[in-house]
Amino acid sequence: MNGFAAILILLGVFWTQTSALQTFVLNEPNNDYVTATMTISNEKNFADVHVRSGLYSSDTIFDYSHGYVATRLFSRNACFILKISEASIPELQEIGRLAFEKKTMKKVYSPQNVWVQFQSGNSVFGNIKDWFLYGKPIEQLCKGLPLYKLVKTEQPLLNSHSCASAGIPTILGINICEKLQKS
């Protein structure tokens, strides 16, 4: 069985590198109410993730060409922008490999989480300069919505129940939390 798994992983790495466009269905373990699809474009160097979970639905773009991740949270009617850092966001090939393994083996679960925060009231509306910086896919996702810049935190915040989840289910969770004002 270990030899079979090694062959699948090896095929996943080569498949991810050669296939121009791949789509994966990624569901939360033991949760039939959360469905997600992820499309990876190796040619355009981005991943597009759609998570459907009622009020807690989100769309996320990982644009490696421009170096940004943007998440649109439907519950907040806003977009959140995060600069990609190698320490916290896996490379596109790694995301593709994990998605391929999950699709093939149906058991892969990577509980990697990124905790980020934003300051309420510090939103902007994107202008031409922002869209050049963030790129066309992020512009299409976020145009007309308030934009919040996210800052990575090292650990979960004290009140993590007020955080929203986004990202790629079972592969990379992005937990977006509001930075609380000190009184």
N, C-alpha and C. Protein backbone atom coordinates (compact mmCIF):
# COMPACT_ATOMS: atom_id res chain seq x y z
N MET A 1 0.82 -1.20 0.00
CA MET A 1 0.00 0.00 0.00
C MET A 1 0.86 1.26 0.00
N ASN A 2 2.02 1.24 0.70
CA ASN A 2 2.89 2.41 0.72
C ASN A 2 3.45 2.73 -0.66
N GLY A 3 3.74 1.71 -1.44
CA GLY A 3 4.22 1.91 -2.80
C GLY A 3 3.16 2.57 -3.67
N PHE A 4 1.90 2.16 -3.49
CA PHE A 4 0.79 2.75 -4.24
C PHE A 4 0.64 4.23 -3.88
N ALA A 5 0.71 4.55 -2.59
CA ALA A 5 0.59 5.94 -2.15
C ALA A 5 1.74 6.78 -2.71
N ALA A 6 2.95 6.23 -2.73
CA ALA A 6 4.10 6.97 -3.26
C ALA A 6 3.92 7.26 -4.75
N ILE A 7 3.39 6.29 -5.48
CA ILE A 7 3.15 6.49 -6.92
C ILE A 7 2.10 7.57 -7.13
N LEU A 8 1.03 7.54 -6.32
CA LEU A 8 -0.01 8.57 -6.43
C LEU A 8 0.54 9.96 -6.14
N ILE A 9 1.38 10.08 -5.14
CA ILE A 9 1.97 11.37 -4.80
C ILE A 9 2.87 11.84 -5.94
N LEU A 10 3.68 10.95 -6.46
CA LEU A 10 4.57 11.30 -7.57
C LEU A 10 3.77 11.72 -8.79
N LEU A 11 2.72 10.99 -9.11
CA LEU A 11 1.86 11.37 -10.22
C LEU A 11 1.20 12.72 -9.97
N GLY A 12 0.81 12.98 -8.73
CA GLY A 12 0.20 14.26 -8.38
C GLY A 12 1.14 15.42 -8.61
N VAL A 13 2.40 15.26 -8.24
CA VAL A 13 3.38 16.32 -8.46
C VAL A 13 3.55 16.59 -9.95
N PHE A 14 3.72 15.53 -10.75
CA PHE A 14 3.90 15.73 -12.18
C PHE A 14 2.64 16.24 -12.84
N TRP A 15 1.48 15.75 -12.42
CA TRP A 15 0.21 16.20 -12.99
C TRP A 15 0.01 17.68 -12.72
N THR A 16 0.28 18.11 -11.50
CA THR A 16 0.10 19.51 -11.11
C THR A 16 0.97 20.41 -11.98
N GLN A 17 2.16 19.98 -12.29
CA GLN A 17 3.07 20.82 -13.06
C GLN A 17 2.72 20.87 -14.53
N THR A 18 2.07 19.84 -15.06
CA THR A 18 1.81 19.81 -16.50
C THR A 18 0.40 20.26 -16.86
N SER A 19 -0.54 20.05 -16.00
CA SER A 19 -1.92 20.40 -16.32
C SER A 19 -2.13 21.90 -16.19
N ALA A 20 -2.73 22.50 -17.19
CA ALA A 20 -2.92 23.95 -17.19
C ALA A 20 -4.07 24.37 -16.30
N LEU A 21 -5.13 23.59 -16.24
CA LEU A 21 -6.31 23.97 -15.46
C LEU A 21 -6.88 22.73 -14.79
N GLN A 22 -7.01 22.77 -13.46
CA GLN A 22 -7.53 21.64 -12.71
C GLN A 22 -8.62 22.13 -11.77
N THR A 23 -9.63 21.32 -11.57
CA THR A 23 -10.69 21.66 -10.63
C THR A 23 -10.83 20.52 -9.63
N PHE A 24 -10.95 20.88 -8.36
CA PHE A 24 -11.07 19.91 -7.28
C PHE A 24 -12.30 20.23 -6.45
N VAL A 25 -12.96 19.20 -5.93
CA VAL A 25 -14.04 19.37 -4.97
C VAL A 25 -13.45 19.01 -3.61
N LEU A 26 -13.51 19.96 -2.67
CA LEU A 26 -12.91 19.77 -1.35
C LEU A 26 -13.97 19.99 -0.28
N ASN A 27 -14.33 18.95 0.41
CA ASN A 27 -15.35 19.06 1.45
C ASN A 27 -14.71 18.96 2.82
N GLU A 28 -15.34 19.62 3.78
CA GLU A 28 -14.89 19.52 5.17
C GLU A 28 -15.18 18.11 5.67
N PRO A 29 -14.25 17.53 6.42
CA PRO A 29 -14.53 16.19 6.97
C PRO A 29 -15.72 16.24 7.93
N ASN A 30 -16.60 15.28 7.81
CA ASN A 30 -17.76 15.14 8.70
C ASN A 30 -18.69 16.35 8.68
N ASN A 31 -18.71 17.10 7.58
CA ASN A 31 -19.59 18.26 7.50
C ASN A 31 -20.16 18.34 6.09
N ASP A 32 -21.40 17.89 5.93
CA ASP A 32 -22.04 17.88 4.62
C ASP A 32 -22.55 19.25 4.21
N TYR A 33 -22.51 20.23 5.11
CA TYR A 33 -23.05 21.54 4.81
C TYR A 33 -22.02 22.48 4.19
N VAL A 34 -20.75 22.08 4.20
CA VAL A 34 -19.71 22.91 3.61
C VAL A 34 -19.22 22.22 2.34
N THR A 35 -19.38 22.88 1.20
CA THR A 35 -18.84 22.36 -0.06
C THR A 35 -17.89 23.40 -0.63
N ALA A 36 -16.89 22.93 -1.30
CA ALA A 36 -15.91 23.85 -1.87
C ALA A 36 -15.39 23.30 -3.18
N THR A 37 -15.10 24.21 -4.08
CA THR A 37 -14.41 23.85 -5.32
C THR A 37 -13.19 24.74 -5.43
N MET A 38 -12.14 24.19 -5.97
CA MET A 38 -10.91 24.93 -6.19
C MET A 38 -10.45 24.67 -7.61
N THR A 39 -10.18 25.73 -8.34
CA THR A 39 -9.63 25.63 -9.69
C THR A 39 -8.24 26.24 -9.67
N ILE A 40 -7.28 25.47 -10.16
CA ILE A 40 -5.90 25.93 -10.23
C ILE A 40 -5.53 26.14 -11.69
N SER A 41 -4.99 27.31 -11.98
CA SER A 41 -4.47 27.60 -13.30
C SER A 41 -2.96 27.77 -13.19
N ASN A 42 -2.23 26.73 -13.61
CA ASN A 42 -0.78 26.82 -13.59
C ASN A 42 -0.28 27.86 -14.60
N GLU A 43 -1.02 27.99 -15.69
CA GLU A 43 -0.64 28.94 -16.73
C GLU A 43 -0.71 30.39 -16.22
N LYS A 44 -1.79 30.71 -15.48
CA LYS A 44 -1.96 32.07 -14.95
C LYS A 44 -1.41 32.22 -13.54
N ASN A 45 -0.96 31.12 -12.95
CA ASN A 45 -0.32 31.10 -11.64
C ASN A 45 -1.26 31.57 -10.52
N PHE A 46 -2.50 31.04 -10.52
CA PHE A 46 -3.42 31.37 -9.43
C PHE A 46 -4.38 30.22 -9.16
N ALA A 47 -4.95 30.29 -7.96
CA ALA A 47 -5.99 29.34 -7.56
C ALA A 47 -7.23 30.13 -7.18
N ASP A 48 -8.38 29.61 -7.55
CA ASP A 48 -9.67 30.24 -7.30
C ASP A 48 -10.49 29.26 -6.46
N VAL A 49 -10.89 29.67 -5.25
CA VAL A 49 -11.57 28.79 -4.32
C VAL A 49 -12.95 29.35 -4.00
N HIS A 50 -13.97 28.51 -4.12
CA HIS A 50 -15.35 28.89 -3.79
C HIS A 50 -15.83 27.97 -2.67
N VAL A 51 -16.12 28.54 -1.50
CA VAL A 51 -16.63 27.77 -0.37
C VAL A 51 -18.09 28.16 -0.16
N ARG A 52 -18.96 27.18 -0.14
CA ARG A 52 -20.39 27.42 0.06
C ARG A 52 -20.81 26.82 1.39
N SER A 53 -21.21 27.71 2.28
CA SER A 53 -21.61 27.30 3.62
C SER A 53 -22.63 28.29 4.16
N GLY A 54 -23.68 28.54 3.38
CA GLY A 54 -24.72 29.47 3.81
C GLY A 54 -24.17 30.87 4.01
N LEU A 55 -24.49 31.47 5.15
CA LEU A 55 -24.04 32.82 5.47
C LEU A 55 -22.52 32.91 5.52
N TYR A 56 -21.85 31.81 5.80
CA TYR A 56 -20.40 31.81 5.97
C TYR A 56 -19.65 31.46 4.69
N SER A 57 -20.28 31.67 3.55
CA SER A 57 -19.64 31.40 2.27
C SER A 57 -18.55 32.42 1.98
N SER A 58 -17.59 32.00 1.14
CA SER A 58 -16.50 32.90 0.76
C SER A 58 -15.94 32.49 -0.60
N ASP A 59 -15.30 33.44 -1.23
CA ASP A 59 -14.51 33.19 -2.44
C ASP A 59 -13.12 33.70 -2.16
N THR A 60 -12.11 32.94 -2.57
CA THR A 60 -10.72 33.32 -2.32
C THR A 60 -9.91 33.15 -3.59
N ILE A 61 -9.07 34.13 -3.87
CA ILE A 61 -8.14 34.07 -5.00
C ILE A 61 -6.71 34.06 -4.44
N PHE A 62 -5.93 33.08 -4.84
CA PHE A 62 -4.50 33.04 -4.53
C PHE A 62 -3.79 33.42 -5.83
N ASP A 63 -3.34 34.67 -5.93
CA ASP A 63 -2.69 35.16 -7.15
C ASP A 63 -1.18 35.23 -6.90
N TYR A 64 -0.48 34.18 -7.31
CA TYR A 64 0.95 34.10 -7.06
C TYR A 64 1.74 35.02 -7.99
N SER A 65 1.18 35.39 -9.13
CA SER A 65 1.87 36.32 -10.04
C SER A 65 2.02 37.69 -9.40
N HIS A 66 0.99 38.14 -8.70
CA HIS A 66 1.03 39.45 -8.06
C HIS A 66 1.42 39.36 -6.59
N GLY A 67 1.38 38.14 -6.01
CA GLY A 67 1.81 37.94 -4.63
C GLY A 67 0.78 38.28 -3.57
N TYR A 68 -0.51 38.12 -3.90
CA TYR A 68 -1.57 38.45 -2.94
C TYR A 68 -2.64 37.36 -2.89
N VAL A 69 -3.26 37.27 -1.72
CA VAL A 69 -4.44 36.44 -1.51
C VAL A 69 -5.58 37.41 -1.19
N ALA A 70 -6.71 37.24 -1.83
CA ALA A 70 -7.89 38.06 -1.53
C ALA A 70 -9.05 37.13 -1.21
N THR A 71 -9.75 37.46 -0.13
CA THR A 71 -10.92 36.68 0.28
C THR A 71 -12.12 37.60 0.37
N ARG A 72 -13.19 37.18 -0.27
CA ARG A 72 -14.46 37.89 -0.18
C ARG A 72 -15.35 37.10 0.77
N LEU A 73 -15.66 37.71 1.93
CA LEU A 73 -16.55 37.09 2.89
C LEU A 73 -17.95 37.63 2.66
N PHE A 74 -18.87 36.75 2.32
CA PHE A 74 -20.22 37.18 2.02
C PHE A 74 -20.94 37.68 3.28
N SER A 75 -20.61 37.13 4.44
CA SER A 75 -21.26 37.55 5.68
C SER A 75 -20.90 39.00 6.05
N ARG A 76 -19.76 39.48 5.61
CA ARG A 76 -19.33 40.85 5.92
C ARG A 76 -19.44 41.78 4.72
N ASN A 77 -19.77 41.24 3.56
CA ASN A 77 -19.85 42.03 2.33
C ASN A 77 -18.60 42.89 2.16
N ALA A 78 -17.44 42.24 2.27
CA ALA A 78 -16.16 42.93 2.18
C ALA A 78 -15.10 41.98 1.64
N CYS A 79 -13.97 42.57 1.21
CA CYS A 79 -12.83 41.80 0.74
C CYS A 79 -11.64 42.04 1.67
N PHE A 80 -10.83 41.01 1.82
CA PHE A 80 -9.67 41.07 2.69
C PHE A 80 -8.44 40.67 1.88
N ILE A 81 -7.40 41.49 1.94
CA ILE A 81 -6.21 41.29 1.12
C ILE A 81 -5.03 40.95 2.03
N LEU A 82 -4.26 39.93 1.65
CA LEU A 82 -3.09 39.50 2.40
C LEU A 82 -1.93 39.29 1.43
N LYS A 83 -0.77 39.84 1.76
CA LYS A 83 0.44 39.62 0.97
C LYS A 83 0.87 38.17 1.19
N ILE A 84 1.20 37.46 0.12
CA ILE A 84 1.63 36.08 0.24
C ILE A 84 3.04 36.05 0.83
N SER A 85 3.19 35.26 1.89
CA SER A 85 4.52 35.04 2.45
C SER A 85 4.79 33.55 2.39
N GLU A 86 6.01 33.19 2.04
CA GLU A 86 6.35 31.77 1.90
C GLU A 86 6.19 31.02 3.21
N ALA A 87 6.34 31.72 4.34
CA ALA A 87 6.26 31.07 5.64
C ALA A 87 4.84 30.61 5.98
N SER A 88 3.82 31.29 5.45
CA SER A 88 2.46 30.96 5.87
C SER A 88 1.56 30.44 4.74
N ILE A 89 1.84 30.78 3.50
CA ILE A 89 1.00 30.35 2.37
C ILE A 89 1.81 29.39 1.50
N PRO A 90 1.34 28.15 1.35
CA PRO A 90 2.08 27.18 0.52
C PRO A 90 2.13 27.62 -0.94
N GLU A 91 3.12 27.13 -1.65
CA GLU A 91 3.24 27.41 -3.08
C GLU A 91 2.08 26.76 -3.83
N LEU A 92 1.81 27.27 -5.03
CA LEU A 92 0.71 26.76 -5.83
C LEU A 92 0.86 25.27 -6.10
N GLN A 93 2.07 24.81 -6.37
CA GLN A 93 2.31 23.39 -6.64
C GLN A 93 1.98 22.54 -5.42
N GLU A 94 2.28 23.06 -4.21
CA GLU A 94 1.98 22.32 -2.99
C GLU A 94 0.47 22.23 -2.77
N ILE A 95 -0.24 23.32 -3.02
CA ILE A 95 -1.70 23.31 -2.90
C ILE A 95 -2.28 22.30 -3.88
N GLY A 96 -1.79 22.31 -5.11
CA GLY A 96 -2.26 21.36 -6.12
C GLY A 96 -1.97 19.92 -5.75
N ARG A 97 -0.78 19.68 -5.19
CA ARG A 97 -0.42 18.32 -4.78
C ARG A 97 -1.34 17.83 -3.67
N LEU A 98 -1.58 18.68 -2.66
CA LEU A 98 -2.46 18.28 -1.56
C LEU A 98 -3.89 18.03 -2.05
N ALA A 99 -4.37 18.88 -2.96
CA ALA A 99 -5.72 18.70 -3.50
C ALA A 99 -5.82 17.41 -4.30
N PHE A 100 -4.78 17.11 -5.08
CA PHE A 100 -4.77 15.87 -5.86
C PHE A 100 -4.77 14.66 -4.94
N GLU A 101 -3.96 14.71 -3.87
CA GLU A 101 -3.91 13.60 -2.93
C GLU A 101 -5.26 13.42 -2.25
N LYS A 102 -5.89 14.51 -1.86
CA LYS A 102 -7.20 14.42 -1.20
C LYS A 102 -8.22 13.81 -2.15
N LYS A 103 -8.22 14.26 -3.40
CA LYS A 103 -9.17 13.75 -4.38
C LYS A 103 -8.93 12.26 -4.62
N THR A 104 -7.67 11.85 -4.68
CA THR A 104 -7.34 10.47 -4.99
C THR A 104 -7.51 9.55 -3.79
N MET A 105 -7.00 9.98 -2.64
CA MET A 105 -7.01 9.10 -1.47
C MET A 105 -8.19 9.36 -0.54
N LYS A 106 -8.83 10.50 -0.67
CA LYS A 106 -10.03 10.88 0.10
C LYS A 106 -9.80 10.93 1.61
N LYS A 107 -8.55 10.87 2.06
CA LYS A 107 -8.29 10.88 3.49
C LYS A 107 -7.34 12.00 3.90
N VAL A 108 -6.73 12.68 2.98
CA VAL A 108 -5.73 13.68 3.32
C VAL A 108 -6.41 14.86 4.01
N TYR A 109 -5.85 15.25 5.12
CA TYR A 109 -6.35 16.41 5.84
C TYR A 109 -5.14 17.17 6.38
N SER A 110 -4.97 18.38 5.93
CA SER A 110 -3.85 19.21 6.38
C SER A 110 -4.41 20.35 7.22
N PRO A 111 -4.26 20.30 8.51
CA PRO A 111 -4.87 21.32 9.37
C PRO A 111 -4.04 22.60 9.49
N GLN A 112 -3.32 22.97 8.44
CA GLN A 112 -2.52 24.19 8.50
C GLN A 112 -3.45 25.39 8.51
N ASN A 113 -3.26 26.27 9.49
CA ASN A 113 -4.09 27.45 9.62
C ASN A 113 -3.23 28.70 9.62
N VAL A 114 -3.74 29.75 9.03
CA VAL A 114 -3.11 31.07 9.05
C VAL A 114 -4.07 31.99 9.78
N TRP A 115 -3.59 32.64 10.82
CA TRP A 115 -4.40 33.58 11.59
C TRP A 115 -4.03 34.99 11.17
N VAL A 116 -5.02 35.76 10.76
CA VAL A 116 -4.80 37.13 10.32
C VAL A 116 -5.84 38.03 10.98
N GLN A 117 -5.53 39.32 11.03
CA GLN A 117 -6.48 40.25 11.61
C GLN A 117 -6.56 41.53 10.79
N PHE A 118 -7.67 42.23 10.94
CA PHE A 118 -7.88 43.51 10.27
C PHE A 118 -8.41 44.50 11.28
N GLN A 119 -8.24 45.77 10.98
CA GLN A 119 -8.75 46.83 11.84
C GLN A 119 -10.06 47.34 11.29
N SER A 120 -11.13 47.17 12.04
CA SER A 120 -12.44 47.65 11.61
C SER A 120 -12.39 49.16 11.41
N GLY A 121 -13.04 49.63 10.36
CA GLY A 121 -13.06 51.06 10.07
C GLY A 121 -11.90 51.52 9.21
N ASN A 122 -10.94 50.64 8.93
CA ASN A 122 -9.79 51.00 8.09
C ASN A 122 -9.91 50.40 6.70
N SER A 123 -11.07 50.47 6.10
CA SER A 123 -11.24 49.93 4.76
C SER A 123 -11.05 51.03 3.73
N VAL A 124 -10.75 50.60 2.52
CA VAL A 124 -10.64 51.52 1.38
C VAL A 124 -11.41 50.89 0.23
N PHE A 125 -11.72 51.69 -0.77
CA PHE A 125 -12.26 51.15 -2.01
C PHE A 125 -11.13 51.19 -3.02
N GLY A 126 -10.95 50.09 -3.74
CA GLY A 126 -9.84 49.98 -4.67
C GLY A 126 -9.88 51.04 -5.76
N ASN A 127 -8.70 51.54 -6.09
CA ASN A 127 -8.58 52.46 -7.21
C ASN A 127 -7.68 51.82 -8.27
N ILE A 128 -7.43 52.53 -9.34
CA ILE A 128 -6.65 51.97 -10.46
C ILE A 128 -5.28 51.48 -9.99
N LYS A 129 -4.62 52.25 -9.12
CA LYS A 129 -3.30 51.86 -8.62
C LYS A 129 -3.38 50.53 -7.86
N ASP A 130 -4.42 50.37 -7.03
CA ASP A 130 -4.60 49.13 -6.27
C ASP A 130 -4.79 47.94 -7.20
N TRP A 131 -5.60 48.11 -8.24
CA TRP A 131 -5.88 46.99 -9.13
C TRP A 131 -4.66 46.59 -9.94
N PHE A 132 -3.78 47.54 -10.27
CA PHE A 132 -2.52 47.16 -10.91
C PHE A 132 -1.66 46.33 -9.95
N LEU A 133 -1.67 46.71 -8.69
CA LEU A 133 -0.88 46.01 -7.68
C LEU A 133 -1.45 44.61 -7.41
N TYR A 134 -2.76 44.51 -7.24
CA TYR A 134 -3.38 43.24 -6.85
C TYR A 134 -3.70 42.33 -8.03
N GLY A 135 -3.86 42.87 -9.23
CA GLY A 135 -4.14 42.06 -10.40
C GLY A 135 -5.61 41.94 -10.75
N LYS A 136 -5.85 41.53 -11.97
CA LYS A 136 -7.20 41.45 -12.53
C LYS A 136 -8.12 40.45 -11.80
N PRO A 137 -7.64 39.22 -11.47
CA PRO A 137 -8.56 38.30 -10.77
C PRO A 137 -9.05 38.86 -9.44
N ILE A 138 -8.17 39.52 -8.70
CA ILE A 138 -8.58 40.10 -7.42
C ILE A 138 -9.49 41.30 -7.64
N GLU A 139 -9.23 42.07 -8.69
CA GLU A 139 -10.12 43.19 -9.01
C GLU A 139 -11.53 42.68 -9.29
N GLN A 140 -11.64 41.61 -10.08
CA GLN A 140 -12.95 41.06 -10.41
C GLN A 140 -13.67 40.53 -9.17
N LEU A 141 -12.92 40.03 -8.20
CA LEU A 141 -13.51 39.52 -6.96
C LEU A 141 -13.95 40.64 -6.03
N CYS A 142 -13.17 41.72 -5.96
CA CYS A 142 -13.36 42.71 -4.90
C CYS A 142 -13.85 44.08 -5.33
N LYS A 143 -13.92 44.36 -6.62
CA LYS A 143 -14.30 45.70 -7.06
C LYS A 143 -15.67 46.09 -6.51
N GLY A 144 -15.74 47.28 -5.95
CA GLY A 144 -16.99 47.80 -5.40
C GLY A 144 -17.23 47.42 -3.95
N LEU A 145 -16.33 46.65 -3.35
CA LEU A 145 -16.46 46.25 -1.95
C LEU A 145 -15.39 46.94 -1.10
N PRO A 146 -15.65 47.13 0.18
CA PRO A 146 -14.60 47.65 1.05
C PRO A 146 -13.43 46.67 1.11
N LEU A 147 -12.21 47.18 1.03
CA LEU A 147 -11.00 46.35 1.10
C LEU A 147 -10.33 46.57 2.45
N TYR A 148 -9.98 45.48 3.09
CA TYR A 148 -9.24 45.53 4.35
C TYR A 148 -7.91 44.82 4.14
N LYS A 149 -6.83 45.44 4.57
CA LYS A 149 -5.53 44.78 4.52
C LYS A 149 -5.38 43.93 5.77
N LEU A 150 -4.98 42.69 5.57
CA LEU A 150 -4.81 41.75 6.67
C LEU A 150 -3.37 41.74 7.14
N VAL A 151 -3.20 41.50 8.43
CA VAL A 151 -1.88 41.37 9.03
C VAL A 151 -1.84 40.00 9.71
N LYS A 152 -0.80 39.23 9.43
CA LYS A 152 -0.67 37.90 10.01
C LYS A 152 -0.38 38.02 11.50
N THR A 153 -1.01 37.16 12.29
CA THR A 153 -0.71 37.07 13.71
C THR A 153 -0.07 35.71 13.96
N GLU A 154 0.71 35.62 15.01
CA GLU A 154 1.45 34.38 15.27
C GLU A 154 0.60 33.29 15.90
N GLN A 155 -0.46 33.66 16.55
CA GLN A 155 -1.27 32.66 17.24
C GLN A 155 -2.74 33.06 17.18
N PRO A 156 -3.61 32.13 17.50
CA PRO A 156 -5.03 32.48 17.53
C PRO A 156 -5.29 33.60 18.53
N LEU A 157 -6.24 34.45 18.21
CA LEU A 157 -6.59 35.54 19.10
C LEU A 157 -7.41 35.01 20.27
N LEU A 158 -7.49 35.80 21.34
CA LEU A 158 -8.20 35.36 22.54
C LEU A 158 -9.65 35.02 22.25
N ASN A 159 -10.32 35.83 21.44
CA ASN A 159 -11.72 35.60 21.12
C ASN A 159 -11.83 35.08 19.69
N SER A 160 -11.36 33.86 19.48
CA SER A 160 -11.34 33.31 18.12
C SER A 160 -12.74 32.93 17.63
N HIS A 161 -13.75 32.97 18.50
CA HIS A 161 -15.12 32.65 18.07
C HIS A 161 -15.68 33.74 17.17
N SER A 162 -15.12 34.95 17.22
CA SER A 162 -15.61 36.04 16.37
C SER A 162 -14.87 36.09 15.04
N CYS A 163 -14.04 35.11 14.77
CA CYS A 163 -13.28 35.06 13.52
C CYS A 163 -14.10 34.37 12.43
N ALA A 164 -13.81 34.73 11.19
CA ALA A 164 -14.44 34.09 10.03
C ALA A 164 -13.42 33.17 9.37
N SER A 165 -13.87 32.05 8.89
CA SER A 165 -12.98 31.10 8.22
C SER A 165 -13.11 31.24 6.72
N ALA A 166 -11.98 31.12 6.04
CA ALA A 166 -11.94 31.15 4.58
C ALA A 166 -10.77 30.27 4.16
N GLY A 167 -10.36 30.39 2.92
CA GLY A 167 -9.22 29.62 2.45
C GLY A 167 -9.64 28.38 1.69
N ILE A 168 -8.88 27.31 1.90
CA ILE A 168 -9.11 26.06 1.17
C ILE A 168 -9.44 24.98 2.19
N PRO A 169 -10.69 24.55 2.27
CA PRO A 169 -11.06 23.53 3.27
C PRO A 169 -10.16 22.31 3.18
N THR A 170 -9.76 21.80 4.32
CA THR A 170 -8.93 20.62 4.53
C THR A 170 -7.49 20.77 4.05
N ILE A 171 -7.12 21.92 3.49
CA ILE A 171 -5.75 22.13 3.05
C ILE A 171 -5.11 23.33 3.74
N LEU A 172 -5.76 24.49 3.67
CA LEU A 172 -5.23 25.70 4.29
C LEU A 172 -6.38 26.56 4.76
N GLY A 173 -6.51 26.70 6.05
CA GLY A 173 -7.55 27.55 6.61
C GLY A 173 -7.01 28.94 6.87
N ILE A 174 -7.76 29.95 6.47
CA ILE A 174 -7.41 31.33 6.77
C ILE A 174 -8.47 31.83 7.74
N ASN A 175 -8.05 32.19 8.93
CA ASN A 175 -8.95 32.67 9.98
C ASN A 175 -8.82 34.18 10.07
N ILE A 176 -9.86 34.89 9.68
CA ILE A 176 -9.86 36.36 9.60
C ILE A 176 -10.56 36.90 10.84
N CYS A 177 -9.82 37.65 11.66
CA CYS A 177 -10.33 38.15 12.92
C CYS A 177 -10.22 39.67 12.96
N GLU A 178 -11.17 40.28 13.64
CA GLU A 178 -11.15 41.72 13.81
C GLU A 178 -10.23 42.05 14.98
N LYS A 179 -9.34 43.03 14.77
CA LYS A 179 -8.46 43.48 15.84
C LYS A 179 -9.27 44.33 16.80
N LEU A 180 -9.26 43.93 18.06
CA LEU A 180 -10.05 44.65 19.05
C LEU A 180 -9.34 45.91 19.50
N GLN A 181 -10.10 46.99 19.66
CA GLN A 181 -9.57 48.26 20.13
C GLN A 181 -9.31 48.17 21.61
N LYS A 182 -8.18 48.75 22.05
CA LYS A 182 -7.90 48.81 23.49
C LYS A 182 -8.63 50.00 24.07
N SER A 183 -9.30 49.78 25.20
CA SER A 183 -10.07 50.86 25.80
C SER A 183 -9.20 51.75 26.66
